[in-house]
């Protein structure tokens, strides 16, 4: 269970890294469309995996509360 949460946390960090790297690389890339697509992919990854971490935390909290 904790390994899955760590995996999701690393996915969230990878999403943040993708957002930051594309903003730095925007000076080197000629196409603003590619930069915008990469930022959108990073933002979606952060949102999806942050939600997954919240679901795991809620399930764990409720399992301990019910017992």
Protein backbone atom coordinates (compact mmCIF):
# COMPACT_ATOMS: atom_id res chain seq x y z
CA UNK A 1 0.00 0.00 0.00
CA UNK A 2 2.79 2.41 0.90
CA UNK A 3 4.74 1.49 -2.24
CA UNK A 4 1.77 2.54 -4.34
CA UNK A 5 1.55 5.87 -2.51
CA UNK A 6 5.27 6.47 -3.02
CA UNK A 7 4.86 5.66 -6.71
CA UNK A 8 2.03 8.19 -7.01
CA UNK A 9 4.08 10.77 -5.12
CA UNK A 10 6.96 10.35 -7.53
CA UNK A 11 4.50 10.75 -10.42
CA UNK A 12 3.32 14.05 -8.92
CA UNK A 13 6.93 15.20 -8.61
CA UNK A 14 7.57 14.15 -12.20
CA UNK A 15 4.59 16.26 -13.28
CA UNK A 16 5.97 19.28 -11.45
CA UNK A 17 9.38 18.65 -13.00
CA UNK A 18 7.82 18.49 -16.46
CA UNK A 19 6.13 21.83 -15.88
CA UNK A 20 9.33 23.48 -14.64
CA UNK A 21 11.58 22.00 -17.30
CA UNK A 22 9.31 23.09 -20.14
CA UNK A 23 9.31 26.66 -18.86
CA UNK A 24 13.10 26.64 -18.79
CA UNK A 25 13.29 24.91 -22.17
CA UNK A 26 10.84 27.38 -23.74
CA UNK A 27 13.77 29.56 -24.68
CA UNK A 28 15.31 26.68 -26.65
CA UNK A 29 12.17 25.30 -28.29
CA UNK A 30 10.90 27.25 -31.25
CA UNK A 31 7.33 26.02 -31.05
CA UNK A 32 5.19 27.44 -28.28
CA UNK A 33 2.60 24.75 -29.02
CA UNK A 34 4.95 21.99 -27.89
CA UNK A 35 5.72 23.86 -24.68
CA UNK A 36 2.00 24.37 -23.97
CA UNK A 37 1.24 20.69 -24.59
CA UNK A 38 4.02 19.57 -22.24
CA UNK A 39 2.84 21.96 -19.53
CA UNK A 40 -0.71 20.64 -19.93
CA UNK A 41 0.49 17.02 -19.66
CA UNK A 42 2.46 17.90 -16.51
CA UNK A 43 -0.52 19.66 -14.95
CA UNK A 44 -2.84 16.73 -15.71
CA UNK A 45 -0.33 14.29 -14.21
CA UNK A 46 -0.08 16.36 -11.03
CA UNK A 47 -3.87 16.57 -10.66
CA UNK A 48 -4.55 12.90 -11.36
CA UNK A 49 -1.86 11.49 -9.11
CA UNK A 50 -2.52 13.98 -6.30
CA UNK A 51 -6.15 12.84 -6.37
CA UNK A 52 -4.99 9.20 -6.26
CA UNK A 53 -2.84 9.94 -3.20
CA UNK A 54 -5.84 11.59 -1.50
CA UNK A 55 -8.01 8.54 -2.23
CA UNK A 56 -5.40 6.19 -0.76
CA UNK A 57 -5.02 8.39 2.32
CA UNK A 58 -8.79 8.57 2.80
CA UNK A 59 -9.19 4.81 2.47
CA UNK A 60 -6.39 4.24 5.00
CA UNK A 61 -7.89 6.75 7.41
CA UNK A 62 -11.36 5.23 7.17
CA UNK A 63 -10.05 1.68 7.58
CA UNK A 64 -8.30 2.64 10.79
CA UNK A 65 -11.34 4.56 12.02
CA UNK A 66 -13.80 1.72 11.37
CA UNK A 67 -11.70 -0.88 13.19
